[in-house]
Amino acid sequence: MERVSKMVSEKPVVIFSMTTCCMSHTIISLFSDFGVNPTVYELDEISRGREIEQAISRLGCNPTVPAVFIGGEFVGGANEVMSLHLKRALKPMLKRAGALWV
């Protein structure tokens, strides 16, 4: 868990993903369309990815990918991110985190 905390504290937006997950791809595309450049960790390609996935699971993210952190805080998965977007709450969060300037 400490490793995950360190990873998410270093960048404004961090997404834990898997290369085969279509929902992860969708969420990454959403952020890119906003002009946000998220840091993406593909858990099936990095060392200790399984260990990180288990730590994310303990945070309550089910399924474990995509797992989105904004400003070092756990936001949730695809459902939570899309819900924030539909409520027009996602962009203000990204601005507060310093990931979006417009």
N, C-alpha and C. Protein backbone atom coordinates (compact mmCIF):
# COMPACT_ATOMS: atom_id res chain seq x y z
N MET A 1 0.81 -1.20 0.00
CA MET A 1 0.00 0.00 0.00
C MET A 1 0.86 1.27 0.00
N GLU A 2 1.97 1.20 0.70
CA GLU A 2 2.88 2.34 0.74
C GLU A 2 3.42 2.66 -0.66
N ARG A 3 3.68 1.62 -1.42
CA ARG A 3 4.18 1.81 -2.79
C ARG A 3 3.14 2.55 -3.64
N VAL A 4 1.87 2.15 -3.52
CA VAL A 4 0.80 2.81 -4.27
C VAL A 4 0.69 4.27 -3.84
N SER A 5 0.74 4.54 -2.56
CA SER A 5 0.66 5.92 -2.05
C SER A 5 1.77 6.78 -2.63
N LYS A 6 2.97 6.24 -2.71
CA LYS A 6 4.09 6.99 -3.28
C LYS A 6 3.87 7.26 -4.76
N MET A 7 3.41 6.25 -5.48
CA MET A 7 3.20 6.38 -6.92
C MET A 7 2.14 7.45 -7.24
N VAL A 8 1.07 7.49 -6.47
CA VAL A 8 -0.02 8.42 -6.78
C VAL A 8 0.25 9.83 -6.27
N SER A 9 1.18 9.98 -5.37
CA SER A 9 1.47 11.31 -4.83
C SER A 9 2.42 12.10 -5.74
N GLU A 10 3.04 11.43 -6.70
CA GLU A 10 4.04 12.08 -7.53
C GLU A 10 3.48 12.83 -8.73
N LYS A 11 2.25 12.54 -9.14
CA LYS A 11 1.66 13.15 -10.34
C LYS A 11 0.21 13.56 -10.06
N PRO A 12 -0.30 14.56 -10.79
CA PRO A 12 -1.68 15.02 -10.55
C PRO A 12 -2.75 13.97 -10.86
N VAL A 13 -2.54 13.18 -11.92
CA VAL A 13 -3.52 12.15 -12.29
C VAL A 13 -2.77 10.85 -12.56
N VAL A 14 -3.17 9.80 -11.84
CA VAL A 14 -2.56 8.48 -12.02
C VAL A 14 -3.69 7.48 -12.28
N ILE A 15 -3.48 6.67 -13.30
CA ILE A 15 -4.44 5.62 -13.63
C ILE A 15 -3.71 4.29 -13.64
N PHE A 16 -4.23 3.35 -12.86
CA PHE A 16 -3.73 1.98 -12.91
C PHE A 16 -4.63 1.23 -13.87
N SER A 17 -4.01 0.56 -14.83
CA SER A 17 -4.72 -0.02 -15.94
C SER A 17 -4.16 -1.39 -16.27
N MET A 18 -4.78 -2.04 -17.24
CA MET A 18 -4.23 -3.24 -17.86
C MET A 18 -4.39 -3.07 -19.36
N THR A 19 -3.42 -3.55 -20.10
CA THR A 19 -3.42 -3.34 -21.54
C THR A 19 -4.63 -3.96 -22.22
N THR A 20 -5.23 -4.96 -21.62
CA THR A 20 -6.37 -5.66 -22.24
C THR A 20 -7.73 -5.14 -21.78
N CYS A 21 -7.75 -4.10 -20.95
CA CYS A 21 -9.00 -3.61 -20.38
C CYS A 21 -9.57 -2.46 -21.22
N CYS A 22 -10.73 -2.69 -21.83
CA CYS A 22 -11.33 -1.67 -22.69
C CYS A 22 -11.83 -0.47 -21.88
N MET A 23 -12.26 -0.68 -20.64
CA MET A 23 -12.72 0.44 -19.81
C MET A 23 -11.55 1.32 -19.41
N SER A 24 -10.41 0.73 -19.17
CA SER A 24 -9.22 1.52 -18.88
C SER A 24 -8.88 2.40 -20.08
N HIS A 25 -8.93 1.83 -21.26
CA HIS A 25 -8.65 2.58 -22.48
C HIS A 25 -9.63 3.75 -22.62
N THR A 26 -10.90 3.51 -22.31
CA THR A 26 -11.93 4.54 -22.41
C THR A 26 -11.65 5.70 -21.45
N ILE A 27 -11.28 5.39 -20.22
CA ILE A 27 -11.02 6.42 -19.21
C ILE A 27 -9.76 7.20 -19.57
N ILE A 28 -8.73 6.52 -20.04
CA ILE A 28 -7.50 7.20 -20.46
C ILE A 28 -7.82 8.14 -21.62
N SER A 29 -8.65 7.69 -22.56
CA SER A 29 -9.04 8.54 -23.70
C SER A 29 -9.83 9.75 -23.25
N LEU A 30 -10.70 9.58 -22.26
CA LEU A 30 -11.48 10.71 -21.73
C LEU A 30 -10.54 11.79 -21.19
N PHE A 31 -9.58 11.39 -20.38
CA PHE A 31 -8.63 12.36 -19.83
C PHE A 31 -7.82 13.02 -20.94
N SER A 32 -7.39 12.23 -21.90
CA SER A 32 -6.62 12.78 -23.02
C SER A 32 -7.44 13.79 -23.82
N ASP A 33 -8.73 13.51 -24.01
CA ASP A 33 -9.61 14.44 -24.72
C ASP A 33 -9.74 15.77 -23.98
N PHE A 34 -9.62 15.74 -22.66
CA PHE A 34 -9.64 16.97 -21.86
C PHE A 34 -8.33 17.74 -21.97
N GLY A 35 -7.28 17.10 -22.49
CA GLY A 35 -5.97 17.71 -22.54
C GLY A 35 -5.12 17.36 -21.33
N VAL A 36 -5.58 16.39 -20.57
CA VAL A 36 -4.85 15.92 -19.39
C VAL A 36 -3.93 14.79 -19.82
N ASN A 37 -2.71 14.79 -19.29
CA ASN A 37 -1.75 13.75 -19.60
C ASN A 37 -1.56 12.88 -18.35
N PRO A 38 -2.43 11.88 -18.16
CA PRO A 38 -2.32 11.07 -16.95
C PRO A 38 -1.10 10.17 -16.96
N THR A 39 -0.59 9.88 -15.80
CA THR A 39 0.44 8.86 -15.66
C THR A 39 -0.28 7.53 -15.59
N VAL A 40 0.05 6.64 -16.51
CA VAL A 40 -0.64 5.35 -16.59
C VAL A 40 0.34 4.24 -16.26
N TYR A 41 -0.05 3.40 -15.32
CA TYR A 41 0.72 2.21 -14.97
C TYR A 41 -0.07 1.00 -15.44
N GLU A 42 0.48 0.29 -16.41
CA GLU A 42 -0.14 -0.93 -16.91
C GLU A 42 0.29 -2.08 -16.00
N LEU A 43 -0.62 -2.55 -15.17
CA LEU A 43 -0.28 -3.53 -14.15
C LEU A 43 0.19 -4.86 -14.72
N ASP A 44 -0.22 -5.17 -15.95
CA ASP A 44 0.22 -6.42 -16.55
C ASP A 44 1.58 -6.29 -17.25
N GLU A 45 2.16 -5.10 -17.16
CA GLU A 45 3.47 -4.89 -17.79
C GLU A 45 4.56 -4.44 -16.83
N ILE A 46 4.20 -4.09 -15.60
CA ILE A 46 5.21 -3.60 -14.66
C ILE A 46 5.52 -4.65 -13.59
N SER A 47 6.73 -4.56 -13.05
CA SER A 47 7.09 -5.47 -11.98
C SER A 47 6.23 -5.16 -10.75
N ARG A 48 5.88 -6.18 -10.05
CA ARG A 48 5.04 -6.09 -8.85
C ARG A 48 3.63 -5.58 -9.16
N GLY A 49 3.21 -5.73 -10.41
CA GLY A 49 1.88 -5.29 -10.81
C GLY A 49 0.78 -6.02 -10.06
N ARG A 50 0.97 -7.31 -9.85
CA ARG A 50 -0.04 -8.10 -9.11
C ARG A 50 -0.17 -7.60 -7.67
N GLU A 51 0.94 -7.28 -7.06
CA GLU A 51 0.95 -6.76 -5.68
C GLU A 51 0.21 -5.41 -5.62
N ILE A 52 0.45 -4.56 -6.60
CA ILE A 52 -0.23 -3.26 -6.67
C ILE A 52 -1.72 -3.46 -6.88
N GLU A 53 -2.08 -4.41 -7.73
CA GLU A 53 -3.49 -4.70 -7.97
C GLU A 53 -4.19 -5.14 -6.68
N GLN A 54 -3.54 -5.93 -5.88
CA GLN A 54 -4.11 -6.36 -4.60
C GLN A 54 -4.29 -5.18 -3.65
N ALA A 55 -3.34 -4.26 -3.64
CA ALA A 55 -3.46 -3.07 -2.79
C ALA A 55 -4.63 -2.20 -3.25
N ILE A 56 -4.82 -2.08 -4.55
CA ILE A 56 -5.94 -1.31 -5.09
C ILE A 56 -7.26 -1.97 -4.71
N SER A 57 -7.29 -3.28 -4.74
CA SER A 57 -8.48 -4.03 -4.35
C SER A 57 -8.85 -3.74 -2.89
N ARG A 58 -7.85 -3.63 -2.05
CA ARG A 58 -8.10 -3.33 -0.63
C ARG A 58 -8.68 -1.92 -0.43
N LEU A 59 -8.47 -1.04 -1.41
CA LEU A 59 -9.05 0.31 -1.34
C LEU A 59 -10.55 0.28 -1.66
N GLY A 60 -11.01 -0.85 -2.20
CA GLY A 60 -12.41 -0.98 -2.53
C GLY A 60 -12.71 -0.84 -4.01
N CYS A 61 -11.70 -0.81 -4.83
CA CYS A 61 -11.91 -0.70 -6.27
C CYS A 61 -12.15 -2.09 -6.84
N ASN A 62 -13.38 -2.32 -7.27
CA ASN A 62 -13.73 -3.61 -7.84
C ASN A 62 -14.62 -3.39 -9.05
N PRO A 63 -14.16 -3.69 -10.26
CA PRO A 63 -12.89 -4.32 -10.60
C PRO A 63 -11.71 -3.40 -10.32
N THR A 64 -10.54 -4.00 -10.29
CA THR A 64 -9.35 -3.25 -9.86
C THR A 64 -8.82 -2.28 -10.89
N VAL A 65 -9.20 -2.43 -12.15
CA VAL A 65 -8.79 -1.47 -13.17
C VAL A 65 -10.00 -1.04 -13.97
N PRO A 66 -10.06 0.18 -14.41
CA PRO A 66 -9.10 1.23 -14.10
C PRO A 66 -9.28 1.73 -12.66
N ALA A 67 -8.20 2.12 -12.04
CA ALA A 67 -8.23 2.76 -10.73
C ALA A 67 -7.65 4.15 -10.91
N VAL A 68 -8.45 5.16 -10.64
CA VAL A 68 -8.08 6.55 -10.93
C VAL A 68 -7.81 7.31 -9.64
N PHE A 69 -6.68 8.01 -9.62
CA PHE A 69 -6.30 8.87 -8.51
C PHE A 69 -6.11 10.27 -9.06
N ILE A 70 -6.73 11.24 -8.42
CA ILE A 70 -6.59 12.64 -8.82
C ILE A 70 -6.11 13.42 -7.60
N GLY A 71 -5.01 14.13 -7.75
CA GLY A 71 -4.46 14.88 -6.63
C GLY A 71 -4.07 13.99 -5.47
N GLY A 72 -3.64 12.78 -5.77
CA GLY A 72 -3.23 11.84 -4.74
C GLY A 72 -4.36 11.11 -4.05
N GLU A 73 -5.60 11.44 -4.39
CA GLU A 73 -6.77 10.84 -3.75
C GLU A 73 -7.42 9.81 -4.67
N PHE A 74 -7.85 8.71 -4.08
CA PHE A 74 -8.52 7.67 -4.85
C PHE A 74 -9.92 8.15 -5.24
N VAL A 75 -10.19 8.19 -6.54
CA VAL A 75 -11.49 8.61 -7.06
C VAL A 75 -12.39 7.40 -7.28
N GLY A 76 -11.83 6.34 -7.82
CA GLY A 76 -12.60 5.13 -8.09
C GLY A 76 -12.27 4.58 -9.46
N GLY A 77 -13.21 3.79 -9.97
CA GLY A 77 -13.04 3.17 -11.27
C GLY A 77 -13.80 3.91 -12.35
N ALA A 78 -14.08 3.20 -13.41
CA ALA A 78 -14.74 3.81 -14.57
C ALA A 78 -16.11 4.39 -14.22
N ASN A 79 -16.91 3.67 -13.44
CA ASN A 79 -18.25 4.16 -13.09
C ASN A 79 -18.19 5.47 -12.33
N GLU A 80 -17.29 5.56 -11.37
CA GLU A 80 -17.17 6.78 -10.57
C GLU A 80 -16.68 7.95 -11.41
N VAL A 81 -15.71 7.69 -12.27
CA VAL A 81 -15.17 8.76 -13.12
C VAL A 81 -16.25 9.26 -14.08
N MET A 82 -16.97 8.35 -14.70
CA MET A 82 -18.03 8.77 -15.64
C MET A 82 -19.15 9.50 -14.91
N SER A 83 -19.48 9.08 -13.72
CA SER A 83 -20.49 9.76 -12.92
C SER A 83 -20.05 11.19 -12.60
N LEU A 84 -18.80 11.37 -12.20
CA LEU A 84 -18.27 12.71 -11.94
C LEU A 84 -18.31 13.56 -13.20
N HIS A 85 -17.98 12.96 -14.32
CA HIS A 85 -18.00 13.68 -15.60
C HIS A 85 -19.42 14.13 -15.94
N LEU A 86 -20.39 13.26 -15.78
CA LEU A 86 -21.78 13.61 -16.10
C LEU A 86 -22.34 14.67 -15.16
N LYS A 87 -21.84 14.70 -13.93
CA LYS A 87 -22.26 15.72 -12.95
C LYS A 87 -21.47 17.01 -13.11
N ARG A 88 -20.57 17.06 -14.09
CA ARG A 88 -19.70 18.20 -14.34
C ARG A 88 -18.78 18.51 -13.14
N ALA A 89 -18.41 17.46 -12.44
CA ALA A 89 -17.53 17.62 -11.28
C ALA A 89 -16.10 17.17 -11.56
N LEU A 90 -15.89 16.49 -12.68
CA LEU A 90 -14.56 15.96 -12.97
C LEU A 90 -13.56 17.05 -13.35
N LYS A 91 -13.94 17.94 -14.24
CA LYS A 91 -13.01 19.00 -14.66
C LYS A 91 -12.57 19.89 -13.50
N PRO A 92 -13.49 20.30 -12.60
CA PRO A 92 -13.03 21.08 -11.44
C PRO A 92 -12.01 20.32 -10.57
N MET A 93 -12.21 19.01 -10.43
CA MET A 93 -11.24 18.20 -9.67
C MET A 93 -9.87 18.22 -10.35
N LEU A 94 -9.89 18.11 -11.67
CA LEU A 94 -8.64 18.11 -12.42
C LEU A 94 -7.94 19.46 -12.34
N LYS A 95 -8.71 20.53 -12.34
CA LYS A 95 -8.13 21.87 -12.19
C LYS A 95 -7.50 22.03 -10.81
N ARG A 96 -8.21 21.60 -9.77
CA ARG A 96 -7.65 21.71 -8.40
C ARG A 96 -6.37 20.92 -8.23
N ALA A 97 -6.27 19.81 -8.95
CA ALA A 97 -5.07 18.95 -8.85
C ALA A 97 -3.93 19.49 -9.70
N GLY A 98 -4.19 20.49 -10.53
CA GLY A 98 -3.14 21.05 -11.38
C GLY A 98 -2.92 20.26 -12.66
N ALA A 99 -3.92 19.44 -13.04
CA ALA A 99 -3.78 18.63 -14.25
C ALA A 99 -4.43 19.30 -15.45
N LEU A 100 -5.24 20.32 -15.21
CA LEU A 100 -5.97 20.98 -16.27
C LEU A 100 -5.98 22.48 -15.98
N TRP A 101 -5.67 23.26 -16.98
CA TRP A 101 -5.57 24.71 -16.77
C TRP A 101 -6.69 25.49 -17.42
N VAL A 102 -7.41 24.92 -18.35
CA VAL A 102 -8.45 25.65 -19.08
C VAL A 102 -9.80 25.38 -18.47
